[in-house]
Amino acid sequence: MKILVVDDHHLIRDGMRPVLGRLAPPNEPVDVLEAATFDEARAQLERHPDVELVLLDLRLPDVSGFEALAELQRARPDMPVVVMSGEDDAAHVRGALERGALGYIPKSSSAEVIVHALRLVLSGGTYVPREILGGAEAARGGEPRPAAGLARLGLTARQLDVLGLLVAGKSNKQICRELDLAEGTVKTHLAAIFKALDVSTRVQAVIAAGKLGIKA
């Protein structure tokens, strides 16, 4: 497994190595590549087209804002990109997710949170910090549950269950296990959820649900 860490602070890059090593499957090492600038990141991706995940800081010396994220999406739409940033306000989180990031991890997060978030993304899920969902219970780590307002969209109780797990970052397979549903059934429920929320991706569904009042 190859992971590219793009951050201009060498302490962050060095500190991520042992954390990312915990993602390795049995008998398979994690090859951590580094880039201090976006130009270096481009070069690394050219040399290593088999990179499976990119961790991207939004504050780089040679690119502004979300430009790096947008370029990565254009160049490698199949490659998961997770933003790791010192900015942890909801506006930055939404901005990154709306531009295609599959996760947003504040740099203040613990190693356990980082590993959990990256495992979700690598298994096909989406990691969204609970802070973006609002609600006092979020800080206490409760499981997301759909707000009453979503019922007016015509979703069934089971579809609301699926949406709650989607917001929690679960992959289709994890939703199947937790709700004891067939994968085809989960996909059918997700299609109905996307239609009700007028979105086309999992990330857009999470953002739309947050705006409608999902609380943790």
C-alpha atoms as a PDB file:
ATOM      1  CA  MET A   1       0.000   0.000   0.000  1.00  0.00           C
ATOM      2  CA  LYS A   2       1.347   3.415  -0.986  1.00  0.00           C
ATOM      3  CA  ILE A   3       0.159   6.601   0.712  1.00  0.00           C
ATOM      4  CA  LEU A   4       1.283  10.108  -0.235  1.00  0.00           C
ATOM      5  CA  VAL A   5       1.445  12.751   2.519  1.00  0.00           C
ATOM      6  CA  VAL A   6       1.436  16.291   1.135  1.00  0.00           C
ATOM      7  CA  ASP A   7       2.348  18.814   3.838  1.00  0.00           C
ATOM      8  CA  ASP A   8       4.996  21.505   4.068  1.00  0.00           C
ATOM      9  CA  HIS A   9       5.768  20.754   7.745  1.00  0.00           C
ATOM     10  CA  HIS A  10       8.307  17.944   8.080  1.00  0.00           C
ATOM     11  CA  LEU A  11       7.195  17.221  11.646  1.00  0.00           C
ATOM     12  CA  ILE A  12       3.697  16.419  10.368  1.00  0.00           C
ATOM     13  CA  ARG A  13       5.080  14.182   7.629  1.00  0.00           C
ATOM     14  CA  ASP A  14       7.405  12.389  10.048  1.00  0.00           C
ATOM     15  CA  GLY A  15       4.699  12.070  12.676  1.00  0.00           C
ATOM     16  CA  MET A  16       2.261  10.448  10.246  1.00  0.00           C
ATOM     17  CA  ARG A  17       4.581   7.556   9.394  1.00  0.00           C
ATOM     18  CA  PRO A  18       3.935   5.406  12.498  1.00  0.00           C
ATOM     19  CA  VAL A  19       0.218   6.238  12.363  1.00  0.00           C
ATOM     20  CA  LEU A  20      -0.106   5.203   8.725  1.00  0.00           C
ATOM     21  CA  GLY A  21       1.856   2.041   9.463  1.00  0.00           C
ATOM     22  CA  ARG A  22      -1.145   0.851  11.482  1.00  0.00           C
ATOM     23  CA  LEU A  23      -3.193   0.688   8.278  1.00  0.00           C
ATOM     24  CA  ALA A  24      -1.096  -2.112   6.831  1.00  0.00           C
ATOM     25  CA  PRO A  25      -2.826  -5.422   6.131  1.00  0.00           C
ATOM     26  CA  PRO A  26      -1.046  -8.518   7.536  1.00  0.00           C
ATOM     27  CA  ASN A  27       2.364  -9.059   5.958  1.00  0.00           C
ATOM     28  CA  GLU A  28       2.020  -5.957   3.781  1.00  0.00           C
ATOM     29  CA  PRO A  29       4.028  -2.815   4.579  1.00  0.00           C
ATOM     30  CA  VAL A  30       2.776   0.728   4.106  1.00  0.00           C
ATOM     31  CA  ASP A  31       5.039   2.756   1.823  1.00  0.00           C
ATOM     32  CA  VAL A  32       4.688   6.393   2.928  1.00  0.00           C
ATOM     33  CA  LEU A  33       5.702   8.928   0.277  1.00  0.00           C
ATOM     34  CA  GLU A  34       6.229  12.599   1.102  1.00  0.00           C
ATOM     35  CA  ALA A  35       5.826  15.951  -0.628  1.00  0.00           C
ATOM     36  CA  ALA A  36       6.374  19.387   0.867  1.00  0.00           C
ATOM     37  CA  THR A  37       4.857  21.241  -2.093  1.00  0.00           C
ATOM     38  CA  PHE A  38       2.215  20.492  -4.673  1.00  0.00           C
ATOM     39  CA  ASP A  39       4.850  20.378  -7.406  1.00  0.00           C
ATOM     40  CA  GLU A  40       6.582  17.629  -5.426  1.00  0.00           C
ATOM     41  CA  ALA A  41       3.231  15.857  -5.045  1.00  0.00           C
ATOM     42  CA  ARG A  42       2.716  15.890  -8.815  1.00  0.00           C
ATOM     43  CA  ALA A  43       6.192  14.418  -9.313  1.00  0.00           C
ATOM     44  CA  GLN A  44       5.569  11.695  -6.734  1.00  0.00           C
ATOM     45  CA  LEU A  45       2.301  10.707  -8.420  1.00  0.00           C
ATOM     46  CA  GLU A  46       4.019  10.549 -11.797  1.00  0.00           C
ATOM     47  CA  ARG A  47       6.709   8.259 -10.355  1.00  0.00           C
ATOM     48  CA  HIS A  48       4.199   6.215  -8.354  1.00  0.00           C
ATOM     49  CA  PRO A  49       0.915   5.857 -10.280  1.00  0.00           C
ATOM     50  CA  ASP A  50      -0.084   3.088  -7.840  1.00  0.00           C
ATOM     51  CA  VAL A  51      -0.591   5.467  -4.889  1.00  0.00           C
ATOM     52  CA  GLU A  52      -3.794   4.347  -3.155  1.00  0.00           C
ATOM     53  CA  LEU A  53      -4.445   7.345  -0.903  1.00  0.00           C
ATOM     54  CA  VAL A  54      -3.393  10.987  -0.625  1.00  0.00           C
ATOM     55  CA  LEU A  55      -3.385  12.995   2.597  1.00  0.00           C
ATOM     56  CA  LEU A  56      -3.478  16.654   1.610  1.00  0.00           C
ATOM     57  CA  ASP A  57      -2.880  19.817   3.607  1.00  0.00           C
ATOM     58  CA  LEU A  58      -4.764  22.772   2.140  1.00  0.00           C
ATOM     59  CA  ARG A  59      -2.077  25.305   3.097  1.00  0.00           C
ATOM     60  CA  LEU A  60       0.830  24.663   0.748  1.00  0.00           C
ATOM     61  CA  PRO A  61       3.443  27.222  -0.318  1.00  0.00           C
ATOM     62  CA  ASP A  62       2.901  26.841  -4.065  1.00  0.00           C
ATOM     63  CA  VAL A  63      -0.880  26.548  -4.365  1.00  0.00           C
ATOM     64  CA  SER A  64      -3.818  28.343  -2.813  1.00  0.00           C
ATOM     65  CA  GLY A  65      -7.003  27.146  -1.177  1.00  0.00           C
ATOM     66  CA  PHE A  66      -8.660  24.135  -2.755  1.00  0.00           C
ATOM     67  CA  GLU A  67      -6.784  24.307  -6.069  1.00  0.00           C
ATOM     68  CA  ALA A  68      -4.634  21.279  -5.243  1.00  0.00           C
ATOM     69  CA  LEU A  69      -7.687  19.226  -4.352  1.00  0.00           C
ATOM     70  CA  ALA A  70      -9.469  20.225  -7.558  1.00  0.00           C
ATOM     71  CA  GLU A  71      -6.436  19.323  -9.681  1.00  0.00           C
ATOM     72  CA  LEU A  72      -6.082  15.923  -8.016  1.00  0.00           C
ATOM     73  CA  GLN A  73      -9.743  15.235  -8.723  1.00  0.00           C
ATOM     74  CA  ARG A  74      -9.293  16.110 -12.389  1.00  0.00           C
ATOM     75  CA  ALA A  75      -6.106  14.102 -12.784  1.00  0.00           C
ATOM     76  CA  ARG A  76      -6.984  11.045 -10.670  1.00  0.00           C
ATOM     77  CA  PRO A  77     -10.734  10.920  -9.935  1.00  0.00           C
ATOM     78  CA  ASP A  78     -10.368   7.286  -8.842  1.00  0.00           C
ATOM     79  CA  MET A  79      -7.795   8.064  -6.123  1.00  0.00           C
ATOM     80  CA  PRO A  80      -9.147   8.818  -2.630  1.00  0.00           C
ATOM     81  CA  VAL A  81      -8.000  12.157  -1.215  1.00  0.00           C
ATOM     82  CA  VAL A  82      -8.380  12.989   2.474  1.00  0.00           C
ATOM     83  CA  VAL A  83      -7.728  16.515   3.700  1.00  0.00           C
ATOM     84  CA  MET A  84      -5.696  16.909   6.892  1.00  0.00           C
ATOM     85  CA  SER A  85      -5.753  20.506   8.013  1.00  0.00           C
ATOM     86  CA  GLY A  86      -5.198  22.781  10.958  1.00  0.00           C
ATOM     87  CA  GLU A  87      -8.467  24.461   9.983  1.00  0.00           C
ATOM     88  CA  ASP A  88     -11.358  22.661  11.625  1.00  0.00           C
ATOM     89  CA  ASP A  89     -14.304  24.987  11.009  1.00  0.00           C
ATOM     90  CA  ALA A  90     -17.410  23.703   9.221  1.00  0.00           C
ATOM     91  CA  ALA A  91     -16.894  25.958   6.181  1.00  0.00           C
ATOM     92  CA  HIS A  92     -13.515  24.394   5.375  1.00  0.00           C
ATOM     93  CA  VAL A  93     -14.887  20.892   5.942  1.00  0.00           C
ATOM     94  CA  ARG A  94     -17.830  21.462   3.609  1.00  0.00           C
ATOM     95  CA  GLY A  95     -15.604  23.137   1.031  1.00  0.00           C
ATOM     96  CA  ALA A  96     -13.270  20.150   0.891  1.00  0.00           C
ATOM     97  CA  LEU A  97     -16.061  17.579   0.737  1.00  0.00           C
ATOM     98  CA  GLU A  98     -17.943  19.495  -1.936  1.00  0.00           C
ATOM     99  CA  ARG A  99     -14.768  19.485  -4.047  1.00  0.00           C
ATOM    100  CA  GLY A 100     -14.376  15.726  -3.893  1.00  0.00           C
ATOM    101  CA  ALA A 101     -12.409  14.908  -0.738  1.00  0.00           C
ATOM    102  CA  LEU A 102     -13.556  11.649   0.844  1.00  0.00           C
ATOM    103  CA  GLY A 103     -12.653  12.783   4.328  1.00  0.00           C
ATOM    104  CA  TYR A 104     -11.533  15.750   6.400  1.00  0.00           C
ATOM    105  CA  ILE A 105      -9.339  15.167   9.455  1.00  0.00           C
ATOM    106  CA  PRO A 106      -8.345  18.051  11.763  1.00  0.00           C
ATOM    107  CA  LYS A 107      -4.645  17.877  12.651  1.00  0.00           C
ATOM    108  CA  SER A 108      -5.652  18.021  16.308  1.00  0.00           C
ATOM    109  CA  SER A 109      -7.202  14.542  15.979  1.00  0.00           C
ATOM    110  CA  SER A 110      -5.767  11.626  17.935  1.00  0.00           C
ATOM    111  CA  ALA A 111      -3.924   8.796  16.208  1.00  0.00           C
ATOM    112  CA  GLU A 112      -6.912   6.541  16.892  1.00  0.00           C
ATOM    113  CA  VAL A 113      -9.304   8.940  15.143  1.00  0.00           C
ATOM    114  CA  ILE A 114      -6.965   9.287  12.169  1.00  0.00           C
ATOM    115  CA  VAL A 115      -6.619   5.517  11.770  1.00  0.00           C
ATOM    116  CA  HIS A 116     -10.382   5.028  12.111  1.00  0.00           C
ATOM    117  CA  ALA A 117     -11.092   7.739   9.536  1.00  0.00           C
ATOM    118  CA  LEU A 118      -8.609   6.393   6.987  1.00  0.00           C
ATOM    119  CA  ARG A 119      -9.868   2.834   7.387  1.00  0.00           C
ATOM    120  CA  LEU A 120     -13.376   4.080   6.633  1.00  0.00           C
ATOM    121  CA  VAL A 121     -12.195   5.804   3.466  1.00  0.00           C
ATOM    122  CA  LEU A 122     -10.127   2.813   2.312  1.00  0.00           C
ATOM    123  CA  SER A 123     -13.134   0.531   2.816  1.00  0.00           C
ATOM    124  CA  GLY A 124     -15.311   2.756   0.629  1.00  0.00           C
ATOM    125  CA  GLY A 125     -16.798   5.025   3.288  1.00  0.00           C
ATOM    126  CA  THR A 126     -16.620   8.765   3.860  1.00  0.00           C
ATOM    127  CA  TYR A 127     -15.261  10.383   7.012  1.00  0.00           C
ATOM    128  CA  VAL A 128     -16.961  13.585   8.142  1.00  0.00           C
ATOM    129  CA  PRO A 129     -16.037  15.135  11.507  1.00  0.00           C
ATOM    130  CA  ARG A 130     -18.982  15.144  13.872  1.00  0.00           C
ATOM    131  CA  GLU A 131     -18.532  18.891  14.341  1.00  0.00           C
ATOM    132  CA  ILE A 132     -19.983  19.555  10.890  1.00  0.00           C
ATOM    133  CA  LEU A 133     -23.240  17.906  11.896  1.00  0.00           C
ATOM    134  CA  GLY A 134     -23.766  20.165  14.904  1.00  0.00           C
ATOM    135  CA  GLY A 135     -25.647  19.317  18.036  1.00  0.00           C
ATOM    136  CA  ALA A 136     -24.485  19.190  21.616  1.00  0.00           C
ATOM    137  CA  GLU A 137     -24.533  15.407  21.668  1.00  0.00           C
ATOM    138  CA  ALA A 138     -21.897  15.239  18.936  1.00  0.00           C
ATOM    139  CA  ALA A 139     -19.134  15.923  21.430  1.00  0.00           C
ATOM    140  CA  ARG A 140     -20.325  12.964  23.481  1.00  0.00           C
ATOM    141  CA  GLY A 141     -19.844  10.608  20.548  1.00  0.00           C
ATOM    142  CA  GLY A 142     -23.430   9.476  20.059  1.00  0.00           C
ATOM    143  CA  GLU A 143     -24.513   7.726  16.877  1.00  0.00           C
ATOM    144  CA  PRO A 144     -26.078  10.021  14.261  1.00  0.00           C
ATOM    145  CA  ARG A 145     -29.831   9.796  13.900  1.00  0.00           C
ATOM    146  CA  PRO A 146     -31.929  11.484  11.219  1.00  0.00           C
ATOM    147  CA  ALA A 147     -33.816  14.608  12.222  1.00  0.00           C
ATOM    148  CA  ALA A 148     -37.586  14.675  12.043  1.00  0.00           C
ATOM    149  CA  GLY A 149     -37.453  17.107   9.138  1.00  0.00           C
ATOM    150  CA  LEU A 150     -36.058  14.399   6.885  1.00  0.00           C
ATOM    151  CA  ALA A 151     -39.256  12.393   7.239  1.00  0.00           C
ATOM    152  CA  ARG A 152     -41.001  15.055   5.172  1.00  0.00           C
ATOM    153  CA  LEU A 153     -38.835  14.030   2.228  1.00  0.00           C
ATOM    154  CA  GLY A 154     -40.775  10.783   1.994  1.00  0.00           C
ATOM    155  CA  LEU A 155     -38.020   8.460   3.222  1.00  0.00           C
ATOM    156  CA  THR A 156     -39.040   5.241   4.915  1.00  0.00           C
ATOM    157  CA  ALA A 157     -37.851   4.303   8.400  1.00  0.00           C
ATOM    158  CA  ARG A 158     -35.335   1.851   6.934  1.00  0.00           C
ATOM    159  CA  GLN A 159     -34.033   4.490   4.515  1.00  0.00           C
ATOM    160  CA  LEU A 160     -33.546   6.830   7.464  1.00  0.00           C
ATOM    161  CA  ASP A 161     -31.542   4.080   9.179  1.00  0.00           C
ATOM    162  CA  VAL A 162     -29.370   3.759   6.078  1.00  0.00           C
ATOM    163  CA  LEU A 163     -28.914   7.525   5.931  1.00  0.00           C
ATOM    164  CA  GLY A 164     -27.863   7.627   9.582  1.00  0.00           C
ATOM    165  CA  LEU A 165     -25.149   5.061   8.941  1.00  0.00           C
ATOM    166  CA  LEU A 166     -24.112   6.864   5.748  1.00  0.00           C
ATOM    167  CA  VAL A 167     -23.621  10.043   7.776  1.00  0.00           C
ATOM    168  CA  ALA A 168     -21.517   8.033  10.232  1.00  0.00           C
ATOM    169  CA  GLY A 169     -19.180   7.218   7.328  1.00  0.00           C
ATOM    170  CA  LYS A 170     -20.129   3.572   6.920  1.00  0.00           C
ATOM    171  CA  SER A 171     -19.451   1.775   3.645  1.00  0.00           C
ATOM    172  CA  ASN A 172     -22.149  -0.227   1.862  1.00  0.00           C
ATOM    173  CA  LYS A 173     -20.789  -3.486   3.274  1.00  0.00           C
ATOM    174  CA  GLN A 174     -20.795  -2.090   6.817  1.00  0.00           C
ATOM    175  CA  ILE A 175     -24.382  -0.872   6.385  1.00  0.00           C
ATOM    176  CA  CYS A 176     -25.346  -4.352   5.165  1.00  0.00           C
ATOM    177  CA  ARG A 177     -23.855  -5.938   8.265  1.00  0.00           C
ATOM    178  CA  GLU A 178     -25.313  -3.485  10.758  1.00  0.00           C
ATOM    179  CA  LEU A 179     -28.837  -3.549   9.312  1.00  0.00           C
ATOM    180  CA  ASP A 180     -28.748  -7.180   8.132  1.00  0.00           C
ATOM    181  CA  LEU A 181     -29.600  -6.182   4.561  1.00  0.00           C
ATOM    182  CA  ALA A 182     -28.483  -7.466   1.177  1.00  0.00           C
ATOM    183  CA  GLU A 183     -26.077  -5.194  -0.715  1.00  0.00           C
ATOM    184  CA  GLY A 184     -28.612  -4.740  -3.522  1.00  0.00           C
ATOM    185  CA  THR A 185     -31.196  -3.573  -1.000  1.00  0.00           C
ATOM    186  CA  VAL A 186     -28.783  -1.035   0.468  1.00  0.00           C
ATOM    187  CA  LYS A 187     -28.033   0.308  -3.020  1.00  0.00           C
ATOM    188  CA  THR A 188     -31.758   0.660  -3.668  1.00  0.00           C
ATOM    189  CA  HIS A 189     -32.226   2.584  -0.422  1.00  0.00           C
ATOM    190  CA  LEU A 190     -29.257   4.829  -1.248  1.00  0.00           C
ATOM    191  CA  ALA A 191     -30.717   5.598  -4.672  1.00  0.00           C
ATOM    192  CA  ALA A 192     -33.968   6.674  -2.990  1.00  0.00           C
ATOM    193  CA  ILE A 193     -32.055   8.788  -0.469  1.00  0.00           C
ATOM    194  CA  PHE A 194     -30.025  10.512  -3.193  1.00  0.00           C
ATOM    195  CA  LYS A 195     -33.208  11.269  -5.121  1.00  0.00           C
ATOM    196  CA  ALA A 196     -34.985  12.652  -2.043  1.00  0.00           C
ATOM    197  CA  LEU A 197     -32.033  14.876  -1.174  1.00  0.00           C
ATOM    198  CA  ASP A 198     -31.450  15.862  -4.840  1.00  0.00           C
ATOM    199  CA  VAL A 199     -27.800  14.763  -4.763  1.00  0.00           C
ATOM    200  CA  SER A 200     -25.689  12.310  -6.740  1.00  0.00           C
ATOM    201  CA  THR A 201     -22.859  11.295  -4.370  1.00  0.00           C
ATOM    202  CA  ARG A 202     -22.411  10.028  -0.822  1.00  0.00           C
ATOM    203  CA  VAL A 203     -20.547  13.161   0.243  1.00  0.00           C
ATOM    204  CA  GLN A 204     -23.281  15.430  -1.117  1.00  0.00           C
ATOM    205  CA  ALA A 205     -25.850  13.344   0.776  1.00  0.00           C
ATOM    206  CA  VAL A 206     -23.937  13.762   4.035  1.00  0.00           C
ATOM    207  CA  ILE A 207     -23.698  17.517   3.541  1.00  0.00           C
ATOM    208  CA  ALA A 208     -27.375  17.824   2.581  1.00  0.00           C
ATOM    209  CA  ALA A 209     -28.451  15.778   5.589  1.00  0.00           C
ATOM    210  CA  GLY A 210     -26.346  17.969   7.891  1.00  0.00           C
ATOM    211  CA  LYS A 211     -28.001  21.097   6.536  1.00  0.00           C
ATOM    212  CA  LEU A 212     -31.396  19.515   7.194  1.00  0.00           C
ATOM    213  CA  GLY A 213     -30.562  18.955  10.828  1.00  0.00           C
ATOM    214  CA  ILE A 214     -29.072  15.522  11.455  1.00  0.00           C
ATOM    215  CA  LYS A 215     -27.829  15.510  15.038  1.00  0.00           C
ATOM    216  CA  ALA A 216     -25.341  13.183  16.644  1.00  0.00           C
END
